[in-house]
Amino acid sequence: MQVIGLPSHLIRNARAASRLLAAKTHIEADRRRDAVARWRGAMKQGLAAKAAAAAVGEARSTLYLWEKHAEPRSRRPHRTRRPNRPPGLAMAVEKARLDNPMWGKCALGAWLRDNGWNVRDSMVGRIVSDLIARGRVMSVREFMRKCPAKSTSRQRPHAKRKPSDVVFEKPGDVVQIDTMSISRPVGKPIKHFDAYDPFAKWTVARPYRRATARNAADFLEKVLAQMPWPVKAIQIDGGSEFMAEFEQACADRRLPLYVLPPRSPKLNGAVERCNQTWRYEFYGCVDLPEKVDEIAKKVDAFQYRYNHIRPHAALGYKTPAKYLAQCQTTETQESNMS
């Protein structure tokens, strides 16, 4: 039988469902016939009907029924409850849903009641489900697939996703840069720029009044100057402060700039963890001056403390400076041996 008036995808899905249902029915019928055959075989070998049924694992009355009719019967009642809907309600729901394809049963029910219909949300939901099944309206999920959200991503002239074949293995291979907002008891919040080498645990930081691309480009100068080893790549999130002037500054230096995919801060987890150290060990313990230039002096002092005095558990409780000195010594010895 060919169904007329339904979308093609519904017809295809109905055919697949029919085939699946027929296969399931056939398998169940075969299982029942096999149970009856084993039951009768056990009885021929001398077992009573009840004992043979127990050996098969089915009730004796059930096996008698399966012997007469092995095909599963439908459990649908002979008389189904007919929907008790006010005349014209289904048409009103269909029109409202076509005009507002993202509305659910609650919004549609409220709108219908405001327009004089005495209807409950559950009845509206059943009508909408019936309309979707008959292909009269689209489901919200299908509508969202047909109307995808407009992409707000912009083409980046220099930044790109990190290729899978690029591997970071030693200090200087990559520096992660991030920003965080710091509230102050007096004055406006400041923006803290933080750069972090996830291998050497070395940090470089500077506060600014705003997180702009120009300030990020200025911060990049400090990062390249104060990182102890040459920086080979920069990794950032998709913040607007890392576009425009910042991206151009990286391009001018031929410095690879890798931008993270959306909603994946865990890929910049090292600098995120360093941000927490700055937030709790510095900003939570120091009385901040009003001027940003004065705050920057205190930031430089804590930066020196973090890199040269503060032991780091991930480095075997060495300071980043001692760890880098050890790396340089090892590298020099290997080069002399070769």
Foldseek 3Di string as FASTA:
>chain_A
DDDPDADPVLVVVVVVVVVVVVVVQVVQLVVLVVLLVQLVVVVVVPDDSQVSCVVSPHGSVVNVVCVVPSGDDDPDDPDDDDDDADPPPLVLLLVVCVVPVQDALVVSVVVVVVVPDPDDSVVSNVSVVVCCSRRSGPHNVVVCVVPPDDDPDDDAPAEEADDPVQDDDAWQAEKEKDWDWACAPDDGIKIKIWIAGLHLRAIDIAIGRDLALVVLLVSVVVVCVPRPDHHQAYEYEPDNSCGDNNSVSCVVVVHHYYYDDPPCCVVVVSVVVVVVCCVCVPVVPDRDDHDRVVNRVSVVVVSCCQQQPAFDVVQVRHHSVVSVVVVVVVVVVVVVVD
